[in-house]
C-alpha atoms as a PDB file:
ATOM      1  CA  UNK A   1       0.001  -0.011   0.027  1.00  0.00           C
ATOM      2  CA  UNK A   2       2.931   2.353   0.746  1.00  0.00           C
ATOM      3  CA  UNK A   3       4.215   1.901  -2.844  1.00  0.00           C
ATOM      4  CA  UNK A   4       0.774   2.920  -4.207  1.00  0.00           C
ATOM      5  CA  UNK A   5       1.049   6.325  -2.479  1.00  0.00           C
ATOM      6  CA  UNK A   6       3.451   7.494  -5.294  1.00  0.00           C
ATOM      7  CA  UNK A   7       1.666   6.056  -8.296  1.00  0.00           C
ATOM      8  CA  UNK A   8      -1.190   8.529  -8.393  1.00  0.00           C
ATOM      9  CA  UNK A   9       0.794  11.504  -7.209  1.00  0.00           C
ATOM     10  CA  UNK A  10      -0.800  13.851  -4.658  1.00  0.00           C
ATOM     11  CA  UNK A  11      -4.218  12.203  -5.204  1.00  0.00           C
ATOM     12  CA  UNK A  12      -3.272   8.739  -3.946  1.00  0.00           C
ATOM     13  CA  UNK A  13      -1.158  10.346  -1.205  1.00  0.00           C
ATOM     14  CA  UNK A  14      -4.196  12.268   0.031  1.00  0.00           C
ATOM     15  CA  UNK A  15      -6.463   9.238  -0.154  1.00  0.00           C
ATOM     16  CA  UNK A  16      -4.082   7.127   1.895  1.00  0.00           C
ATOM     17  CA  UNK A  17      -3.690   9.927   4.447  1.00  0.00           C
ATOM     18  CA  UNK A  18      -7.439  10.006   4.831  1.00  0.00           C
ATOM     19  CA  UNK A  19      -8.108   6.246   4.911  1.00  0.00           C
ATOM     20  CA  UNK A  20      -4.982   4.975   6.695  1.00  0.00           C
ATOM     21  CA  UNK A  21      -4.731   6.449  10.148  1.00  0.00           C
ATOM     22  CA  UNK A  22      -2.833   3.710  12.023  1.00  0.00           C
ATOM     23  CA  UNK A  23       0.054   2.506   9.868  1.00  0.00           C
ATOM     24  CA  UNK A  24       2.956   4.932  10.290  1.00  0.00           C
ATOM     25  CA  UNK A  25       4.916   3.314   7.444  1.00  0.00           C
ATOM     26  CA  UNK A  26       2.107   4.006   4.949  1.00  0.00           C
ATOM     27  CA  UNK A  27       1.522   7.486   6.307  1.00  0.00           C
ATOM     28  CA  UNK A  28       5.213   8.313   6.002  1.00  0.00           C
ATOM     29  CA  UNK A  29       5.272   7.386   2.326  1.00  0.00           C
ATOM     30  CA  UNK A  30       2.012   9.185   1.723  1.00  0.00           C
ATOM     31  CA  UNK A  31       3.512  12.323   3.207  1.00  0.00           C
ATOM     32  CA  UNK A  32       6.713  11.897   1.232  1.00  0.00           C
ATOM     33  CA  UNK A  33       4.735  11.284  -1.995  1.00  0.00           C
ATOM     34  CA  UNK A  34       2.708  14.506  -1.407  1.00  0.00           C
ATOM     35  CA  UNK A  35       5.859  16.474  -0.756  1.00  0.00           C
ATOM     36  CA  UNK A  36       7.476  15.066  -3.877  1.00  0.00           C
ATOM     37  CA  UNK A  37       4.784  14.814  -6.471  1.00  0.00           C
ATOM     38  CA  UNK A  38       2.873  17.986  -5.750  1.00  0.00           C
ATOM     39  CA  UNK A  39       5.821  20.342  -6.565  1.00  0.00           C
ATOM     40  CA  UNK A  40       6.678  18.216  -9.605  1.00  0.00           C
ATOM     41  CA  UNK A  41       3.105  18.428 -10.862  1.00  0.00           C
ATOM     42  CA  UNK A  42       3.038  22.155 -10.222  1.00  0.00           C
ATOM     43  CA  UNK A  43       6.325  22.564 -12.080  1.00  0.00           C
ATOM     44  CA  UNK A  44       5.066  20.622 -15.090  1.00  0.00           C
ATOM     45  CA  UNK A  45       1.850  22.668 -15.171  1.00  0.00           C
ATOM     46  CA  UNK A  46       3.811  25.942 -14.802  1.00  0.00           C
ATOM     47  CA  UNK A  47       6.058  25.204 -17.779  1.00  0.00           C
ATOM     48  CA  UNK A  48       3.107  23.997 -19.829  1.00  0.00           C
ATOM     49  CA  UNK A  49       0.560  26.750 -19.067  1.00  0.00           C
ATOM     50  CA  UNK A  50       2.640  29.815 -18.162  1.00  0.00           C
ATOM     51  CA  UNK A  51       6.078  29.444 -19.817  1.00  0.00           C
ATOM     52  CA  UNK A  52       6.280  27.150 -22.867  1.00  0.00           C
ATOM     53  CA  UNK A  53       9.440  25.176 -22.804  1.00  0.00           C
ATOM     54  CA  UNK A  54      10.783  23.516 -25.969  1.00  0.00           C
ATOM     55  CA  UNK A  55       9.209  20.144 -26.525  1.00  0.00           C
ATOM     56  CA  UNK A  56      12.372  18.146 -25.737  1.00  0.00           C
ATOM     57  CA  UNK A  57      12.784  19.902 -22.368  1.00  0.00           C
ATOM     58  CA  UNK A  58       9.133  19.200 -21.462  1.00  0.00           C
ATOM     59  CA  UNK A  59       9.720  15.525 -22.317  1.00  0.00           C
ATOM     60  CA  UNK A  60      12.870  15.427 -20.179  1.00  0.00           C
ATOM     61  CA  UNK A  61      11.027  17.046 -17.264  1.00  0.00           C
ATOM     62  CA  UNK A  62       8.212  14.516 -17.528  1.00  0.00           C
ATOM     63  CA  UNK A  63      10.553  11.537 -17.837  1.00  0.00           C
ATOM     64  CA  UNK A  64      12.554  12.734 -14.794  1.00  0.00           C
ATOM     65  CA  UNK A  65       9.453  13.236 -12.740  1.00  0.00           C
ATOM     66  CA  UNK A  66       8.040   9.828 -13.583  1.00  0.00           C
ATOM     67  CA  UNK A  67      11.421   8.200 -13.060  1.00  0.00           C
ATOM     68  CA  UNK A  68      11.977   9.542  -9.504  1.00  0.00           C
ATOM     69  CA  UNK A  69       8.318   8.764  -8.584  1.00  0.00           C
ATOM     70  CA  UNK A  70       8.635   5.101  -9.780  1.00  0.00           C
ATOM     71  CA  UNK A  71      11.937   4.736  -7.997  1.00  0.00           C
ATOM     72  CA  UNK A  72      10.554   5.918  -4.682  1.00  0.00           C
ATOM     73  CA  UNK A  73       7.511   3.642  -5.135  1.00  0.00           C
ATOM     74  CA  UNK A  74       9.813   0.717  -5.753  1.00  0.00           C
ATOM     75  CA  UNK A  75      11.859   1.544  -2.680  1.00  0.00           C
ATOM     76  CA  UNK A  76       8.682   1.732  -0.565  1.00  0.00           C
ATOM     77  CA  UNK A  77       7.635  -1.730  -1.824  1.00  0.00           C
ATOM     78  CA  UNK A  78      11.158  -3.225  -1.411  1.00  0.00           C
ATOM     79  CA  UNK A  79      11.658  -1.884   2.107  1.00  0.00           C
ATOM     80  CA  UNK A  80       8.246  -3.215   3.128  1.00  0.00           C
ATOM     81  CA  UNK A  81       9.506  -6.688   2.254  1.00  0.00           C
ATOM     82  CA  UNK A  82      12.769  -6.255   4.156  1.00  0.00           C
ATOM     83  CA  UNK A  83      11.861  -4.930   7.580  1.00  0.00           C
ATOM     84  CA  UNK A  84       9.968  -1.682   7.000  1.00  0.00           C
ATOM     85  CA  UNK A  85      13.024   0.580   6.892  1.00  0.00           C
ATOM     86  CA  UNK A  86      12.072   3.993   5.549  1.00  0.00           C
ATOM     87  CA  UNK A  87      13.715   5.404   2.449  1.00  0.00           C
ATOM     88  CA  UNK A  88      14.220   9.080   2.856  1.00  0.00           C
ATOM     89  CA  UNK A  89      14.484  11.442  -0.026  1.00  0.00           C
ATOM     90  CA  UNK A  90      16.859  14.357   0.598  1.00  0.00           C
ATOM     91  CA  UNK A  91      15.152  17.069   2.764  1.00  0.00           C
ATOM     92  CA  UNK A  92      11.659  15.698   1.947  1.00  0.00           C
ATOM     93  CA  UNK A  93      12.098  12.499   3.913  1.00  0.00           C
ATOM     94  CA  UNK A  94      13.062  14.370   7.123  1.00  0.00           C
ATOM     95  CA  UNK A  95       9.962  16.502   6.906  1.00  0.00           C
ATOM     96  CA  UNK A  96       7.702  13.493   6.269  1.00  0.00           C
ATOM     97  CA  UNK A  97       9.244  11.657   9.292  1.00  0.00           C
ATOM     98  CA  UNK A  98       8.718  14.652  11.531  1.00  0.00           C
ATOM     99  CA  UNK A  99       5.063  14.986  10.495  1.00  0.00           C
ATOM    100  CA  UNK A 100       4.405  11.294  11.208  1.00  0.00           C
ATOM    101  CA  UNK A 101       6.007  11.465  14.616  1.00  0.00           C
ATOM    102  CA  UNK A 102       4.224  14.677  15.633  1.00  0.00           C
ATOM    103  CA  UNK A 103       0.742  14.084  14.238  1.00  0.00           C
ATOM    104  CA  UNK A 104      -2.206  13.251  16.482  1.00  0.00           C
ATOM    105  CA  UNK A 105      -5.368  11.428  15.594  1.00  0.00           C
ATOM    106  CA  UNK A 106      -7.443  14.514  15.819  1.00  0.00           C
ATOM    107  CA  UNK A 107      -5.367  16.021  13.019  1.00  0.00           C
ATOM    108  CA  UNK A 108      -6.578  13.351  10.614  1.00  0.00           C
ATOM    109  CA  UNK A 109      -8.521  14.888   7.780  1.00  0.00           C
ATOM    110  CA  UNK A 110     -12.281  14.277   7.520  1.00  0.00           C
ATOM    111  CA  UNK A 111     -13.118  11.956   4.629  1.00  0.00           C
ATOM    112  CA  UNK A 112     -16.008  13.478   2.572  1.00  0.00           C
ATOM    113  CA  UNK A 113     -15.017  17.182   2.818  1.00  0.00           C
ATOM    114  CA  UNK A 114     -11.483  16.366   1.737  1.00  0.00           C
ATOM    115  CA  UNK A 115     -12.665  14.269  -1.228  1.00  0.00           C
ATOM    116  CA  UNK A 116     -15.038  17.012  -2.291  1.00  0.00           C
ATOM    117  CA  UNK A 117     -12.259  19.609  -2.090  1.00  0.00           C
ATOM    118  CA  UNK A 118      -9.956  17.316  -4.109  1.00  0.00           C
ATOM    119  CA  UNK A 119     -12.724  16.954  -6.717  1.00  0.00           C
ATOM    120  CA  UNK A 120     -13.197  20.713  -6.901  1.00  0.00           C
ATOM    121  CA  UNK A 121      -9.463  21.218  -7.213  1.00  0.00           C
ATOM    122  CA  UNK A 122      -9.388  18.809 -10.168  1.00  0.00           C
ATOM    123  CA  UNK A 123     -12.203  20.688 -11.840  1.00  0.00           C
ATOM    124  CA  UNK A 124     -10.340  23.987 -11.338  1.00  0.00           C
ATOM    125  CA  UNK A 125      -7.124  22.644 -12.873  1.00  0.00           C
ATOM    126  CA  UNK A 126      -9.074  21.255 -15.833  1.00  0.00           C
ATOM    127  CA  UNK A 127     -10.905  24.513 -16.371  1.00  0.00           C
ATOM    128  CA  UNK A 128      -7.619  26.484 -16.255  1.00  0.00           C
ATOM    129  CA  UNK A 129      -6.042  24.112 -18.788  1.00  0.00           C
ATOM    130  CA  UNK A 130      -9.039  24.350 -21.116  1.00  0.00           C
ATOM    131  CA  UNK A 131      -9.042  28.155 -20.882  1.00  0.00           C
ATOM    132  CA  UNK A 132      -5.340  28.284 -21.653  1.00  0.00           C
ATOM    133  CA  UNK A 133      -5.845  26.074 -24.738  1.00  0.00           C
ATOM    134  CA  UNK A 134      -8.582  28.364 -25.979  1.00  0.00           C
ATOM    135  CA  UNK A 135      -6.418  31.448 -25.516  1.00  0.00           C
ATOM    136  CA  UNK A 136      -3.476  29.719 -27.262  1.00  0.00           C
ATOM    137  CA  UNK A 137      -5.683  28.735 -30.158  1.00  0.00           C
ATOM    138  CA  UNK A 138      -6.980  32.262 -30.541  1.00  0.00           C
ATOM    139  CA  UNK A 139      -3.441  33.667 -30.411  1.00  0.00           C
ATOM    140  CA  UNK A 140      -2.409  31.242 -33.148  1.00  0.00           C
ATOM    141  CA  UNK A 141      -5.305  32.383 -35.263  1.00  0.00           C
ATOM    142  CA  UNK A 142      -4.278  35.978 -34.753  1.00  0.00           C
ATOM    143  CA  UNK A 143      -0.652  35.149 -35.751  1.00  0.00           C
ATOM    144  CA  UNK A 144       0.810  35.408 -32.264  1.00  0.00           C
ATOM    145  CA  UNK A 145       2.726  32.826 -30.274  1.00  0.00           C
ATOM    146  CA  UNK A 146       1.999  31.974 -26.602  1.00  0.00           C
ATOM    147  CA  UNK A 147       5.643  32.038 -25.716  1.00  0.00           C
ATOM    148  CA  UNK A 148       6.623  34.320 -22.814  1.00  0.00           C
ATOM    149  CA  UNK A 149       9.613  35.443 -24.869  1.00  0.00           C
ATOM    150  CA  UNK A 150       7.599  36.930 -27.782  1.00  0.00           C
ATOM    151  CA  UNK A 151       8.719  40.395 -28.787  1.00  0.00           C
ATOM    152  CA  UNK A 152       6.116  42.902 -29.905  1.00  0.00           C
ATOM    153  CA  UNK A 153       6.384  43.863 -33.540  1.00  0.00           C
ATOM    154  CA  UNK A 154       6.656  47.573 -32.588  1.00  0.00           C
ATOM    155  CA  UNK A 155      10.122  46.900 -31.084  1.00  0.00           C
ATOM    156  CA  UNK A 156      11.591  45.774 -34.399  1.00  0.00           C
ATOM    157  CA  UNK A 157      13.425  48.190 -36.670  1.00  0.00           C
ATOM    158  CA  UNK A 158      11.673  48.985 -39.977  1.00  0.00           C
ATOM    159  CA  UNK A 159      12.719  46.802 -42.899  1.00  0.00           C
ATOM    160  CA  UNK A 160      15.484  48.358 -45.014  1.00  0.00           C
ATOM    161  CA  UNK A 161      14.680  49.198 -48.629  1.00  0.00           C
ATOM    162  CA  UNK A 162      15.442  46.410 -51.133  1.00  0.00           C
ATOM    163  CA  UNK A 163      18.516  46.900 -53.351  1.00  0.00           C
ATOM    164  CA  UNK A 164      17.917  47.528 -57.013  1.00  0.00           C
ATOM    165  CA  UNK A 165      18.036  44.628 -59.361  1.00  0.00           C
ATOM    166  CA  UNK A 166      21.655  44.153 -60.641  1.00  0.00           C
ATOM    167  CA  UNK A 167      21.786  44.366 -64.440  1.00  0.00           C
ATOM    168  CA  UNK A 168      23.919  41.227 -64.766  1.00  0.00           C
ATOM    169  CA  UNK A 169      21.371  38.903 -63.089  1.00  0.00           C
ATOM    170  CA  UNK A 170      19.248  36.802 -65.602  1.00  0.00           C
ATOM    171  CA  UNK A 171      15.482  36.752 -65.722  1.00  0.00           C
ATOM    172  CA  UNK A 172      13.822  33.774 -63.974  1.00  0.00           C
ATOM    173  CA  UNK A 173      13.419  30.621 -66.062  1.00  0.00           C
ATOM    174  CA  UNK A 174      10.241  28.545 -66.125  1.00  0.00           C
ATOM    175  CA  UNK A 175       9.557  25.985 -63.410  1.00  0.00           C
ATOM    176  CA  UNK A 176      10.266  22.324 -64.215  1.00  0.00           C
ATOM    177  CA  UNK A 177       6.617  21.308 -64.059  1.00  0.00           C
ATOM    178  CA  UNK A 178       3.389  23.267 -64.554  1.00  0.00           C
ATOM    179  CA  UNK A 179       2.001  24.369 -61.252  1.00  0.00           C
ATOM    180  CA  UNK A 180       5.361  24.647 -59.573  1.00  0.00           C
ATOM    181  CA  UNK A 181       6.677  28.067 -58.537  1.00  0.00           C
ATOM    182  CA  UNK A 182      10.484  27.735 -58.162  1.00  0.00           C
ATOM    183  CA  UNK A 183      12.361  28.356 -61.434  1.00  0.00           C
ATOM    184  CA  UNK A 184      14.194  25.334 -62.722  1.00  0.00           C
ATOM    185  CA  UNK A 185      17.655  26.868 -62.304  1.00  0.00           C
ATOM    186  CA  UNK A 186      20.707  26.379 -60.122  1.00  0.00           C
ATOM    187  CA  UNK A 187      23.067  29.026 -58.818  1.00  0.00           C
ATOM    188  CA  UNK A 188      26.638  28.723 -57.693  1.00  0.00           C
ATOM    189  CA  UNK A 189      28.795  31.576 -56.332  1.00  0.00           C
ATOM    190  CA  UNK A 190      32.545  30.950 -56.587  1.00  0.00           C
ATOM    191  CA  UNK A 191      35.848  32.573 -57.271  1.00  0.00           C
ATOM    192  CA  UNK A 192      35.337  35.798 -55.381  1.00  0.00           C
ATOM    193  CA  UNK A 193      38.606  35.644 -53.488  1.00  0.00           C
ATOM    194  CA  UNK A 194      40.929  38.351 -54.813  1.00  0.00           C
ATOM    195  CA  UNK A 195      43.836  37.117 -56.939  1.00  0.00           C
ATOM    196  CA  UNK A 196      46.999  39.161 -56.817  1.00  0.00           C
ATOM    197  CA  UNK A 197      48.766  40.171 -59.954  1.00  0.00           C
ATOM    198  CA  UNK A 198      51.016  37.382 -61.210  1.00  0.00           C
ATOM    199  CA  UNK A 199      49.224  34.662 -59.157  1.00  0.00           C
ATOM    200  CA  UNK A 200      47.510  31.756 -60.846  1.00  0.00           C
ATOM    201  CA  UNK A 201      43.743  31.294 -60.348  1.00  0.00           C
ATOM    202  CA  UNK A 202      43.113  28.254 -58.244  1.00  0.00           C
ATOM    203  CA  UNK A 203      41.929  25.020 -59.930  1.00  0.00           C
ATOM    204  CA  UNK A 204      38.379  23.775 -59.418  1.00  0.00           C
ATOM    205  CA  UNK A 205      38.646  20.960 -56.796  1.00  0.00           C
ATOM    206  CA  UNK A 206      37.534  17.450 -57.686  1.00  0.00           C
ATOM    207  CA  UNK A 207      34.893  17.497 -54.946  1.00  0.00           C
ATOM    208  CA  UNK A 208      33.391  20.643 -56.495  1.00  0.00           C
ATOM    209  CA  UNK A 209      33.204  18.892 -59.907  1.00  0.00           C
ATOM    210  CA  UNK A 210      31.426  15.884 -58.299  1.00  0.00           C
ATOM    211  CA  UNK A 211      29.021  18.170 -56.456  1.00  0.00           C
ATOM    212  CA  UNK A 212      28.017  20.094 -59.590  1.00  0.00           C
ATOM    213  CA  UNK A 213      27.805  16.786 -61.592  1.00  0.00           C
ATOM    214  CA  UNK A 214      25.525  15.293 -58.925  1.00  0.00           C
ATOM    215  CA  UNK A 215      23.188  18.331 -59.229  1.00  0.00           C
ATOM    216  CA  UNK A 216      23.131  18.003 -63.051  1.00  0.00           C
ATOM    217  CA  UNK A 217      22.179  14.273 -62.879  1.00  0.00           C
ATOM    218  CA  UNK A 218      19.664  14.401 -60.019  1.00  0.00           C
ATOM    219  CA  UNK A 219      18.019  17.807 -60.380  1.00  0.00           C
ATOM    220  CA  UNK A 220      18.170  18.147 -64.172  1.00  0.00           C
ATOM    221  CA  UNK A 221      17.996  21.968 -64.172  1.00  0.00           C
ATOM    222  CA  UNK A 222      17.339  23.988 -67.309  1.00  0.00           C
ATOM    223  CA  UNK A 223      20.107  26.474 -66.471  1.00  0.00           C
ATOM    224  CA  UNK A 224      23.072  26.404 -64.139  1.00  0.00           C
ATOM    225  CA  UNK A 225      24.324  29.912 -63.398  1.00  0.00           C
ATOM    226  CA  UNK A 226      27.903  30.155 -62.193  1.00  0.00           C
ATOM    227  CA  UNK A 227      28.452  33.571 -60.595  1.00  0.00           C
ATOM    228  CA  UNK A 228      32.123  34.421 -60.439  1.00  0.00           C
ATOM    229  CA  UNK A 229      34.756  37.094 -60.255  1.00  0.00           C
ATOM    230  CA  UNK A 230      37.692  34.871 -61.245  1.00  0.00           C
ATOM    231  CA  UNK A 231      37.173  31.844 -63.529  1.00  0.00           C
ATOM    232  CA  UNK A 232      38.630  28.602 -62.071  1.00  0.00           C
ATOM    233  CA  UNK A 233      41.111  26.469 -63.998  1.00  0.00           C
ATOM    234  CA  UNK A 234      42.124  22.830 -64.153  1.00  0.00           C
ATOM    235  CA  UNK A 235      40.930  19.617 -65.764  1.00  0.00           C
ATOM    236  CA  UNK A 236      37.749  19.298 -63.707  1.00  0.00           C
ATOM    237  CA  UNK A 237      36.749  22.824 -64.680  1.00  0.00           C
ATOM    238  CA  UNK A 238      37.253  21.999 -68.291  1.00  0.00           C
ATOM    239  CA  UNK A 239      34.954  18.991 -67.841  1.00  0.00           C
ATOM    240  CA  UNK A 240      32.138  20.827 -66.200  1.00  0.00           C
ATOM    241  CA  UNK A 241      32.155  24.268 -67.788  1.00  0.00           C
ATOM    242  CA  UNK A 242      30.159  23.277 -70.893  1.00  0.00           C
ATOM    243  CA  UNK A 243      27.164  22.711 -68.596  1.00  0.00           C
ATOM    244  CA  UNK A 244      27.383  26.145 -66.994  1.00  0.00           C
ATOM    245  CA  UNK A 245      26.284  29.648 -67.828  1.00  0.00           C
ATOM    246  CA  UNK A 246      28.973  31.965 -66.568  1.00  0.00           C
ATOM    247  CA  UNK A 247      28.018  35.285 -65.019  1.00  0.00           C
ATOM    248  CA  UNK A 248      30.670  37.845 -64.295  1.00  0.00           C
ATOM    249  CA  UNK A 249      29.322  39.307 -61.120  1.00  0.00           C
ATOM    250  CA  UNK A 250      29.905  42.649 -59.528  1.00  0.00           C
ATOM    251  CA  UNK A 251      31.245  41.988 -55.979  1.00  0.00           C
ATOM    252  CA  UNK A 252      29.686  44.407 -53.513  1.00  0.00           C
ATOM    253  CA  UNK A 253      31.938  46.349 -51.132  1.00  0.00           C
ATOM    254  CA  UNK A 254      29.138  47.282 -48.749  1.00  0.00           C
ATOM    255  CA  UNK A 255      25.497  46.496 -48.011  1.00  0.00           C
ATOM    256  CA  UNK A 256      23.036  48.787 -46.246  1.00  0.00           C
ATOM    257  CA  UNK A 257      25.823  51.139 -45.410  1.00  0.00           C
ATOM    258  CA  UNK A 258      28.038  48.419 -43.795  1.00  0.00           C
ATOM    259  CA  UNK A 259      31.407  47.574 -45.259  1.00  0.00           C
ATOM    260  CA  UNK A 260      31.952  44.021 -46.448  1.00  0.00           C
ATOM    261  CA  UNK A 261      35.513  42.866 -45.972  1.00  0.00           C
ATOM    262  CA  UNK A 262      35.551  39.110 -46.247  1.00  0.00           C
ATOM    263  CA  UNK A 263      34.770  37.492 -49.597  1.00  0.00           C
ATOM    264  CA  UNK A 264      32.439  35.006 -47.889  1.00  0.00           C
ATOM    265  CA  UNK A 265      30.224  37.899 -46.661  1.00  0.00           C
ATOM    266  CA  UNK A 266      30.162  39.268 -50.183  1.00  0.00           C
ATOM    267  CA  UNK A 267      29.108  35.904 -51.472  1.00  0.00           C
ATOM    268  CA  UNK A 268      26.195  35.918 -48.987  1.00  0.00           C
ATOM    269  CA  UNK A 269      24.887  39.087 -50.505  1.00  0.00           C
ATOM    270  CA  UNK A 270      25.307  37.845 -54.070  1.00  0.00           C
ATOM    271  CA  UNK A 271      23.439  34.617 -53.454  1.00  0.00           C
ATOM    272  CA  UNK A 272      20.539  36.450 -51.778  1.00  0.00           C
ATOM    273  CA  UNK A 273      20.292  38.853 -54.739  1.00  0.00           C
ATOM    274  CA  UNK A 274      20.283  35.883 -57.106  1.00  0.00           C
ATOM    275  CA  UNK A 275      17.489  34.222 -55.175  1.00  0.00           C
ATOM    276  CA  UNK A 276      15.500  37.449 -54.996  1.00  0.00           C
ATOM    277  CA  UNK A 277      15.627  38.472 -58.665  1.00  0.00           C
ATOM    278  CA  UNK A 278      16.379  35.269 -60.547  1.00  0.00           C
ATOM    279  CA  UNK A 279      14.975  32.542 -58.343  1.00  0.00           C
ATOM    280  CA  UNK A 280      15.764  28.867 -58.411  1.00  0.00           C
ATOM    281  CA  UNK A 281      17.999  26.863 -56.032  1.00  0.00           C
ATOM    282  CA  UNK A 282      21.281  27.994 -54.617  1.00  0.00           C
ATOM    283  CA  UNK A 283      23.858  25.342 -53.807  1.00  0.00           C
ATOM    284  CA  UNK A 284      27.256  25.637 -52.101  1.00  0.00           C
ATOM    285  CA  UNK A 285      30.055  24.397 -54.296  1.00  0.00           C
ATOM    286  CA  UNK A 286      30.664  21.356 -52.033  1.00  0.00           C
ATOM    287  CA  UNK A 287      26.986  20.303 -51.640  1.00  0.00           C
ATOM    288  CA  UNK A 288      26.197  16.892 -53.122  1.00  0.00           C
ATOM    289  CA  UNK A 289      22.606  16.197 -54.343  1.00  0.00           C
END
């Protein structure tokens, strides 16, 4: 019976405290169950109704709560078979033991009023949960999230003006299939790193050739746009270049008033412009399809 005090959380703990008035072993575990499971239940409800944790954290919290509850239930059952020694949880066990040793019979709770109070408490929790779900559903319909970390739209800076369409970017091609929206085109941005006078332009790596080749075979694009500043060299470039449409790009030095120093940051701007005005699919040079 002591093990059952943990299985229903504070409900079974309360029922046993009402019904069992003589067995100190059962009452100890009922008190310990109430002191353990009530805060755990309150914590789970708090992070579900008030502050929405990520799903995996909620799962970890529930698993941890169930795990410690089952462990204490097992220990209550095991100790009952081996001499009724009492398994104390840290801090909680001491309080439960003190309550058992100090309680008097007249402090036992009356049966029916307590059951009615428990029933009303359950109705209250259910009503609160239902109300929260209705509010959350309404917020989702209005385009808002129920997260406590939501930032009001008024605190965001206004969107910057879009840059003008660069003249070197091609017009969007048609989608692969009627009814699709994305143009049937691929974009690569490569060769933006400055080359000093007298230096040889780097060769196209073998892995880059394989990546582009995989896109040709598996995606079957109508056009493959190769945005560049410096044209690569080497045997693998000679093999793949007949499949490409070369676009001599204009490398930006700044964006929205901010200086761009690294060539990788400049490539970020170029690929976004290509997606904005030409559409299609952008792939990194080492991305296999």
